[in-house]
PDB file of N, CA and C in Angstrom:
ATOM      1  N   MET A   1       1.299  -1.245  -0.538  1.00  0.00           N
ATOM      2  CA  MET A   1       0.377   0.116  -0.243  1.00  0.00           C
ATOM      3  C   MET A   1       0.770   1.208   0.175  1.00  0.00           C
ATOM      4  N   SER A   2       0.085   2.218  -0.953  1.00  0.00           N
ATOM      5  CA  SER A   2       1.412   3.109  -0.972  1.00  0.00           C
ATOM      6  C   SER A   2       1.466   4.091   0.502  1.00  0.00           C
ATOM      7  N   ALA A   3       2.509   4.887   0.720  1.00  0.00           N
ATOM      8  CA  ALA A   3       1.991   5.831   1.638  1.00  0.00           C
ATOM      9  C   ALA A   3       1.122   7.121   1.798  1.00  0.00           C
ATOM     10  N   SER A   4       0.121   7.227   0.325  1.00  0.00           N
ATOM     11  CA  SER A   4      -1.002   8.681   0.447  1.00  0.00           C
ATOM     12  C   SER A   4      -2.173   7.722   0.834  1.00  0.00           C
ATOM     13  N   THR A   5      -1.961   6.616   0.405  1.00  0.00           N
ATOM     14  CA  THR A   5      -3.154   5.820   0.430  1.00  0.00           C
ATOM     15  C   THR A   5      -3.598   5.132   2.034  1.00  0.00           C
ATOM     16  N   THR A   6      -2.346   5.057   3.061  1.00  0.00           N
ATOM     17  CA  THR A   6      -1.984   4.704   3.710  1.00  0.00           C
ATOM     18  C   THR A   6      -2.739   5.899   5.082  1.00  0.00           C
ATOM     19  N   LEU A   7      -2.045   6.835   4.198  1.00  0.00           N
ATOM     20  CA  LEU A   7      -2.739   7.854   5.179  1.00  0.00           C
ATOM     21  C   LEU A   7      -3.569   8.962   4.783  1.00  0.00           C
ATOM     22  N   MET A   8      -4.294   8.759   3.456  1.00  0.00           N
ATOM     23  CA  MET A   8      -6.197   8.909   3.893  1.00  0.00           C
ATOM     24  C   MET A   8      -6.816   8.030   4.296  1.00  0.00           C
ATOM     25  N   PHE A   9      -6.084   6.003   4.933  1.00  0.00           N
ATOM     26  CA  PHE A   9      -7.296   5.441   5.410  1.00  0.00           C
ATOM     27  C   PHE A   9      -6.955   5.600   6.912  1.00  0.00           C
ATOM     28  N   CYS A  10      -5.914   6.279   7.343  1.00  0.00           N
ATOM     29  CA  CYS A  10      -5.105   7.247   8.862  1.00  0.00           C
ATOM     30  C   CYS A  10      -6.196   7.531   9.612  1.00  0.00           C
ATOM     31  N   TRP A  11      -6.965   8.330   8.053  1.00  0.00           N
ATOM     32  CA  TRP A  11      -7.467  10.022   8.824  1.00  0.00           C
ATOM     33  C   TRP A  11      -8.636  10.133   8.203  1.00  0.00           C
ATOM     34  N   LEU A  12      -9.352   8.947   7.199  1.00  0.00           N
ATOM     35  CA  LEU A  12     -10.960   7.925   7.448  1.00  0.00           C
ATOM     36  C   LEU A  12     -11.155   7.744   8.899  1.00  0.00           C
ATOM     37  N   ALA A  13     -10.723   6.816   9.406  1.00  0.00           N
ATOM     38  CA  ALA A  13     -10.456   6.123  10.668  1.00  0.00           C
ATOM     39  C   ALA A  13     -10.423   6.846  11.856  1.00  0.00           C
ATOM     40  N   LEU A  14      -9.202   7.351  11.405  1.00  0.00           N
ATOM     41  CA  LEU A  14      -9.583   8.957  12.687  1.00  0.00           C
ATOM     42  C   LEU A  14     -10.658  10.361  13.036  1.00  0.00           C
ATOM     43  N   ALA A  15     -11.074   9.999  11.613  1.00  0.00           N
ATOM     44  CA  ALA A  15     -12.298  10.808  11.978  1.00  0.00           C
ATOM     45  C   ALA A  15     -13.726   9.666  12.637  1.00  0.00           C
ATOM     46  N   VAL A  16     -13.608   8.807  11.618  1.00  0.00           N
ATOM     47  CA  VAL A  16     -14.590   7.876  12.078  1.00  0.00           C
ATOM     48  C   VAL A  16     -14.436   7.634  14.003  1.00  0.00           C
ATOM     49  N   LEU A  17     -13.811   6.949  14.362  1.00  0.00           N
ATOM     50  CA  LEU A  17     -13.384   6.921  16.226  1.00  0.00           C
ATOM     51  C   LEU A  17     -13.446   7.939  15.829  1.00  0.00           C
ATOM     52  N   SER A  18     -13.454   9.488  15.693  1.00  0.00           N
ATOM     53  CA  SER A  18     -13.942  10.982  16.745  1.00  0.00           C
ATOM     54  C   SER A  18     -15.085  10.924  16.464  1.00  0.00           C
ATOM     55  N   VAL A  19     -15.972  10.809  15.401  1.00  0.00           N
ATOM     56  CA  VAL A  19     -17.307  10.943  15.649  1.00  0.00           C
ATOM     57  C   VAL A  19     -18.408   9.513  16.116  1.00  0.00           C
ATOM     58  N   THR A  20     -17.512   8.827  16.404  1.00  0.00           N
ATOM     59  CA  THR A  20     -17.731   7.437  17.542  1.00  0.00           C
ATOM     60  C   THR A  20     -17.888   7.844  18.283  1.00  0.00           C
ATOM     61  N   SER A  21     -16.720   8.697  19.383  1.00  0.00           N
ATOM     62  CA  SER A  21     -16.499   8.748  20.321  1.00  0.00           C
ATOM     63  C   SER A  21     -17.170   9.792  20.983  1.00  0.00           C
ATOM     64  N   VAL A  22     -18.221  11.143  20.629  1.00  0.00           N
ATOM     65  CA  VAL A  22     -19.143  11.758  20.560  1.00  0.00           C
ATOM     66  C   VAL A  22     -19.773  11.620  20.627  1.00  0.00           C
ATOM     67  N   GLN A  23     -20.660  10.898  19.745  1.00  0.00           N
ATOM     68  CA  GLN A  23     -21.840  10.375  20.241  1.00  0.00           C
ATOM     69  C   GLN A  23     -21.202   8.530  21.233  1.00  0.00           C
ATOM     70  N   LEU A  24     -20.654   8.247  21.579  1.00  0.00           N
ATOM     71  CA  LEU A  24     -20.633   7.499  22.444  1.00  0.00           C
ATOM     72  C   LEU A  24     -20.755   8.172  24.563  1.00  0.00           C
ATOM     73  N   GLY A  25     -19.735   9.142  23.384  1.00  0.00           N
ATOM     74  CA  GLY A  25     -19.356  10.040  25.087  1.00  0.00           C
ATOM     75  C   GLY A  25     -21.424  11.193  25.281  1.00  0.00           C
ATOM     76  N   ASN A  26     -22.622  10.758  24.579  1.00  0.00           N
ATOM     77  CA  ASN A  26     -23.569  11.384  24.643  1.00  0.00           C
ATOM     78  C   ASN A  26     -24.562  10.916  25.445  1.00  0.00           C
ATOM     79  N   ALA A  27     -24.517   9.153  24.267  1.00  0.00           N
ATOM     80  CA  ALA A  27     -25.021   8.610  25.041  1.00  0.00           C
ATOM     81  C   ALA A  27     -25.418   8.641  26.270  1.00  0.00           C
ATOM     82  N   GLY A  28     -25.037   8.563  27.874  1.00  0.00           N
ATOM     83  CA  GLY A  28     -25.012   8.445  28.302  1.00  0.00           C
ATOM     84  C   GLY A  28     -23.410   8.497  29.427  1.00  0.00           C
ATOM     85  N   ALA A  29     -23.924   8.289  31.176  1.00  0.00           N
ATOM     86  CA  ALA A  29     -22.068   8.726  31.853  1.00  0.00           C
ATOM     87  C   ALA A  29     -22.448   6.566  32.066  1.00  0.00           C
ATOM     88  N   THR A  30     -22.370   5.952  31.897  1.00  0.00           N
ATOM     89  CA  THR A  30     -21.940   4.379  32.608  1.00  0.00           C
ATOM     90  C   THR A  30     -20.428   4.308  32.255  1.00  0.00           C
ATOM     91  N   LEU A  31     -20.453   3.338  33.036  1.00  0.00           N
ATOM     92  CA  LEU A  31     -18.831   3.395  33.052  1.00  0.00           C
ATOM     93  C   LEU A  31     -18.962   1.440  30.997  1.00  0.00           C
ATOM     94  N   LEU A  32     -19.930   1.002  31.102  1.00  0.00           N
ATOM     95  CA  LEU A  32     -19.861   0.700  30.032  1.00  0.00           C
ATOM     96  C   LEU A  32     -19.347   1.900  29.311  1.00  0.00           C
ATOM     97  N   MET A  33     -20.209   3.394  29.069  1.00  0.00           N
ATOM     98  CA  MET A  33     -20.013   3.756  27.508  1.00  0.00           C
ATOM     99  C   MET A  33     -18.754   4.724  27.897  1.00  0.00           C
ATOM    100  N   ALA A  34     -18.199   4.855  29.096  1.00  0.00           N
ATOM    101  CA  ALA A  34     -16.223   5.565  29.094  1.00  0.00           C
ATOM    102  C   ALA A  34     -15.620   4.230  29.289  1.00  0.00           C
ATOM    103  N   SER A  35     -16.291   3.280  29.264  1.00  0.00           N
ATOM    104  CA  SER A  35     -14.940   2.696  28.436  1.00  0.00           C
ATOM    105  C   SER A  35     -15.200   2.520  26.680  1.00  0.00           C
ATOM    106  N   ALA A  36     -16.729   2.377  26.605  1.00  0.00           N
ATOM    107  CA  ALA A  36     -16.284   2.403  24.331  1.00  0.00           C
ATOM    108  C   ALA A  36     -15.511   3.873  24.233  1.00  0.00           C
ATOM    109  N   VAL A  37     -15.563   4.404  25.149  1.00  0.00           N
ATOM    110  CA  VAL A  37     -15.327   5.954  24.401  1.00  0.00           C
ATOM    111  C   VAL A  37     -13.616   6.095  24.706  1.00  0.00           C
ATOM    112  N   LEU A  38     -13.012   5.528  25.960  1.00  0.00           N
ATOM    113  CA  LEU A  38     -11.492   5.384  26.286  1.00  0.00           C
ATOM    114  C   LEU A  38     -10.901   3.692  25.310  1.00  0.00           C
ATOM    115  N   LEU A  39     -12.007   2.682  24.539  1.00  0.00           N
ATOM    116  CA  LEU A  39     -11.663   2.459  23.664  1.00  0.00           C
ATOM    117  C   LEU A  39     -11.018   2.550  22.053  1.00  0.00           C
ATOM    118  N   ALA A  40     -12.309   3.334  21.968  1.00  0.00           N
ATOM    119  CA  ALA A  40     -12.160   4.381  20.583  1.00  0.00           C
ATOM    120  C   ALA A  40     -10.258   5.423  20.488  1.00  0.00           C
ATOM    121  N   ALA A  41     -10.714   6.077  21.665  1.00  0.00           N
ATOM    122  CA  ALA A  41      -8.917   7.023  22.414  1.00  0.00           C
ATOM    123  C   ALA A  41      -8.021   6.238  21.945  1.00  0.00           C
ATOM    124  N   LEU A  42      -8.113   4.508  22.948  1.00  0.00           N
ATOM    125  CA  LEU A  42      -7.219   3.959  22.320  1.00  0.00           C
ATOM    126  C   LEU A  42      -6.859   3.327  20.806  1.00  0.00           C
ATOM    127  N   GLY A  43      -7.357   3.620  20.119  1.00  0.00           N
ATOM    128  CA  GLY A  43      -7.336   2.774  18.767  1.00  0.00           C
ATOM    129  C   GLY A  43      -7.149   4.648  17.916  1.00  0.00           C
ATOM    130  N   LYS A  44      -7.698   5.408  17.924  1.00  0.00           N
ATOM    131  CA  LYS A  44      -7.342   6.359  17.646  1.00  0.00           C
ATOM    132  C   LYS A  44      -5.202   6.530  18.276  1.00  0.00           C
ATOM    133  N   ALA A  45      -5.017   6.947  19.144  1.00  0.00           N
ATOM    134  CA  ALA A  45      -3.061   6.752  19.817  1.00  0.00           C
ATOM    135  C   ALA A  45      -2.952   5.630  19.311  1.00  0.00           C
ATOM    136  N   TRP A  46      -3.668   4.449  18.082  1.00  0.00           N
ATOM    137  CA  TRP A  46      -2.459   3.474  17.704  1.00  0.00           C
ATOM    138  C   TRP A  46      -3.014   4.059  16.720  1.00  0.00           C
ATOM    139  N   LEU A  47      -3.446   4.397  16.033  1.00  0.00           N
ATOM    140  CA  LEU A  47      -3.010   4.902  14.715  1.00  0.00           C
ATOM    141  C   LEU A  47      -2.749   6.040  14.258  1.00  0.00           C
ATOM    142  N   ILE A  48      -2.105   6.820  15.419  1.00  0.00           N
ATOM    143  CA  ILE A  48      -1.322   7.862  14.637  1.00  0.00           C
ATOM    144  C   ILE A  48      -0.307   7.567  15.341  1.00  0.00           C
ATOM    145  N   ALA A  49       0.478   6.280  16.647  1.00  0.00           N
ATOM    146  CA  ALA A  49       1.723   5.791  15.823  1.00  0.00           C
ATOM    147  C   ALA A  49       1.965   5.062  15.410  1.00  0.00           C
ATOM    148  N   ASP A  50       1.244   3.915  14.850  1.00  0.00           N
ATOM    149  CA  ASP A  50       1.814   3.894  13.954  1.00  0.00           C
ATOM    150  C   ASP A  50       1.705   3.965  12.193  1.00  0.00           C
ATOM    151  N   GLY A  51       0.301   5.120  12.271  1.00  0.00           N
ATOM    152  CA  GLY A  51      -0.321   4.799  10.147  1.00  0.00           C
ATOM    153  C   GLY A  51       0.804   6.359  10.628  1.00  0.00           C
ATOM    154  N   PHE A  52       0.583   7.451  11.492  1.00  0.00           N
ATOM    155  CA  PHE A  52       1.054   9.373  11.052  1.00  0.00           C
ATOM    156  C   PHE A  52       2.890   9.085  11.429  1.00  0.00           C
ATOM    157  N   MET A  53       2.870   8.568  12.328  1.00  0.00           N
ATOM    158  CA  MET A  53       4.547   8.411  13.444  1.00  0.00           C
ATOM    159  C   MET A  53       5.162   7.095  12.407  1.00  0.00           C
ATOM    160  N   GLU A  54       4.524   6.684  11.493  1.00  0.00           N
ATOM    161  CA  GLU A  54       5.703   5.141  11.156  1.00  0.00           C
ATOM    162  C   GLU A  54       6.238   4.661  12.389  1.00  0.00           C
ATOM    163  N   LEU A  55       5.262   4.331  13.398  1.00  0.00           N
ATOM    164  CA  LEU A  55       6.652   3.583  13.995  1.00  0.00           C
ATOM    165  C   LEU A  55       6.317   1.738  13.912  1.00  0.00           C
ATOM    166  N   ARG A  56       5.614   2.036  13.130  1.00  0.00           N
ATOM    167  CA  ARG A  56       5.405   0.243  12.580  1.00  0.00           C
ATOM    168  C   ARG A  56       6.627  -0.341  12.642  1.00  0.00           C
ATOM    169  N   HIS A  57       7.776   0.504  11.798  1.00  0.00           N
ATOM    170  CA  HIS A  57       8.648  -0.525  11.590  1.00  0.00           C
ATOM    171  C   HIS A  57      10.448  -0.267  12.531  1.00  0.00           C
ATOM    172  N   ALA A  58       9.732   0.698  13.472  1.00  0.00           N
ATOM    173  CA  ALA A  58      10.595   1.714  14.771  1.00  0.00           C
ATOM    174  C   ALA A  58      10.783  -0.065  15.562  1.00  0.00           C
ATOM    175  N   PRO A  59      11.697   0.445  16.644  1.00  0.00           N
ATOM    176  CA  PRO A  59      12.747  -0.559  17.533  1.00  0.00           C
ATOM    177  C   PRO A  59      11.506  -0.275  18.194  1.00  0.00           C
ATOM    178  N   ARG A  60      11.386  -2.327  18.786  1.00  0.00           N
ATOM    179  CA  ARG A  60       9.864  -2.183  19.741  1.00  0.00           C
ATOM    180  C   ARG A  60       9.360  -1.825  20.921  1.00  0.00           C
ATOM    181  N   MET A  61      10.751  -0.969  21.384  1.00  0.00           N
ATOM    182  CA  MET A  61      10.852  -0.240  22.986  1.00  0.00           C
ATOM    183  C   MET A  61      10.136   1.096  22.175  1.00  0.00           C
ATOM    184  N   TRP A  62      10.807   1.280  21.370  1.00  0.00           N
ATOM    185  CA  TRP A  62      10.372   3.123  20.885  1.00  0.00           C
ATOM    186  C   TRP A  62       8.072   2.871  20.659  1.00  0.00           C
ATOM    187  N   ARG A  63       8.311   2.116  20.350  1.00  0.00           N
ATOM    188  CA  ARG A  63       6.501   1.512  19.741  1.00  0.00           C
ATOM    189  C   ARG A  63       6.120   1.525  21.240  1.00  0.00           C
ATOM    190  N   TRP A  64       6.435   0.341  22.337  1.00  0.00           N
ATOM    191  CA  TRP A  64       5.708   0.241  23.658  1.00  0.00           C
ATOM    192  C   TRP A  64       5.661   0.604  24.266  1.00  0.00           C
ATOM    193  N   LEU A  65       6.726   1.816  24.474  1.00  0.00           N
ATOM    194  CA  LEU A  65       6.674   2.916  25.398  1.00  0.00           C
ATOM    195  C   LEU A  65       5.532   4.475  24.521  1.00  0.00           C
ATOM    196  N   LEU A  66       5.423   4.534  23.586  1.00  0.00           N
ATOM    197  CA  LEU A  66       4.366   5.316  22.654  1.00  0.00           C
ATOM    198  C   LEU A  66       3.074   4.717  23.190  1.00  0.00           C
ATOM    199  N   LEU A  67       2.719   2.773  23.062  1.00  0.00           N
ATOM    200  CA  LEU A  67       1.117   2.905  22.702  1.00  0.00           C
ATOM    201  C   LEU A  67       1.758   2.448  24.593  1.00  0.00           C
ATOM    202  N   GLY A  68       2.304   2.367  25.033  1.00  0.00           N
ATOM    203  CA  GLY A  68       1.871   1.487  26.347  1.00  0.00           C
ATOM    204  C   GLY A  68       1.243   3.115  27.442  1.00  0.00           C
ATOM    205  N   TRP A  69       1.413   4.180  26.904  1.00  0.00           N
ATOM    206  CA  TRP A  69       1.300   5.804  27.733  1.00  0.00           C
ATOM    207  C   TRP A  69      -0.039   6.130  28.106  1.00  0.00           C
ATOM    208  N   PRO A  70      -1.168   5.839  26.657  1.00  0.00           N
ATOM    209  CA  PRO A  70      -2.893   5.898  25.987  1.00  0.00           C
ATOM    210  C   PRO A  70      -3.669   4.828  26.833  1.00  0.00           C
ATOM    211  N   VAL A  71      -2.243   3.547  27.165  1.00  0.00           N
ATOM    212  CA  VAL A  71      -3.331   2.591  28.010  1.00  0.00           C
ATOM    213  C   VAL A  71      -3.334   2.752  29.713  1.00  0.00           C
ATOM    214  N   ALA A  72      -1.887   3.316  29.514  1.00  0.00           N
ATOM    215  CA  ALA A  72      -1.756   3.762  30.711  1.00  0.00           C
ATOM    216  C   ALA A  72      -2.604   4.730  32.568  1.00  0.00           C
ATOM    217  N   MET A  73      -2.786   5.378  31.153  1.00  0.00           N
ATOM    218  CA  MET A  73      -4.152   6.700  31.080  1.00  0.00           C
ATOM    219  C   MET A  73      -5.469   6.509  31.156  1.00  0.00           C
ATOM    220  N   ALA A  74      -6.014   5.154  30.287  1.00  0.00           N
ATOM    221  CA  ALA A  74      -6.716   4.778  29.801  1.00  0.00           C
ATOM    222  C   ALA A  74      -7.328   4.025  31.673  1.00  0.00           C
ATOM    223  N   ALA A  75      -6.040   2.706  31.914  1.00  0.00           N
ATOM    224  CA  ALA A  75      -6.854   2.321  33.331  1.00  0.00           C
ATOM    225  C   ALA A  75      -6.275   3.354  33.759  1.00  0.00           C
ATOM    226  N   GLY A  76      -5.691   3.976  34.330  1.00  0.00           N
ATOM    227  CA  GLY A  76      -6.212   5.178  35.329  1.00  0.00           C
ATOM    228  C   GLY A  76      -7.792   6.030  35.539  1.00  0.00           C
ATOM    229  N   VAL A  77      -7.911   6.413  34.345  1.00  0.00           N
ATOM    230  CA  VAL A  77      -8.796   6.675  34.299  1.00  0.00           C
ATOM    231  C   VAL A  77     -10.405   5.676  34.757  1.00  0.00           C
ATOM    232  N   LEU A  78     -10.336   4.561  34.386  1.00  0.00           N
ATOM    233  CA  LEU A  78     -11.273   3.295  34.340  1.00  0.00           C
ATOM    234  C   LEU A  78     -11.218   3.395  36.016  1.00  0.00           C
ATOM    235  N   LEU A  79      -9.552   2.809  36.649  1.00  0.00           N
ATOM    236  CA  LEU A  79      -9.680   3.649  37.649  1.00  0.00           C
ATOM    237  C   LEU A  79     -10.244   3.755  38.878  1.00  0.00           C
ATOM    238  N   THR A  80     -10.549   4.942  38.648  1.00  0.00           N
ATOM    239  CA  THR A  80     -11.195   6.432  39.266  1.00  0.00           C
ATOM    240  C   THR A  80     -12.654   6.522  38.860  1.00  0.00           C
ATOM    241  N   LEU A  81     -13.039   6.058  38.407  1.00  0.00           N
ATOM    242  CA  LEU A  81     -14.771   6.248  38.004  1.00  0.00           C
ATOM    243  C   LEU A  81     -14.677   6.085  38.906  1.00  0.00           C
ATOM    244  N   PRO A  82     -14.952   4.560  39.567  1.00  0.00           N
ATOM    245  CA  PRO A  82     -15.817   4.069  40.542  1.00  0.00           C
ATOM    246  C   PRO A  82     -15.519   5.278  41.869  1.00  0.00           C
ATOM    247  N   PHE A  83     -14.582   6.151  41.827  1.00  0.00           N
ATOM    248  CA  PHE A  83     -15.191   7.107  43.018  1.00  0.00           C
ATOM    249  C   PHE A  83     -15.272   8.056  42.535  1.00  0.00           C
ATOM    250  N   SER A  84     -15.427   8.631  42.125  1.00  0.00           N
ATOM    251  CA  SER A  84     -16.235   9.294  41.283  1.00  0.00           C
ATOM    252  C   SER A  84     -17.867  10.152  41.954  1.00  0.00           C
ATOM    253  N   SER A  85     -18.263  10.989  41.608  1.00  0.00           N
ATOM    254  CA  SER A  85     -19.865  10.638  41.757  1.00  0.00           C
ATOM    255  C   SER A  85     -20.663  11.101  41.164  1.00  0.00           C
TER     256      SER A  85
END
């Protein structure tokens, strides 16, 4: 697949995930909806790292560091949600 085709696919997927996360956020404030929004955010982080930043072929350490941060943040948000009022 050419670079321009990959970037177009990434833009389209990011747009779809952004609209999906907004729609899920408007659906209600439940733990399931929050998890779905965070899952969409993780998908967007993966697309940005692998698609735009082209870390697909980078050393594994850099990929794991860059993709591990959004996972850690999503886990932190999910762990604090039960304590919110």
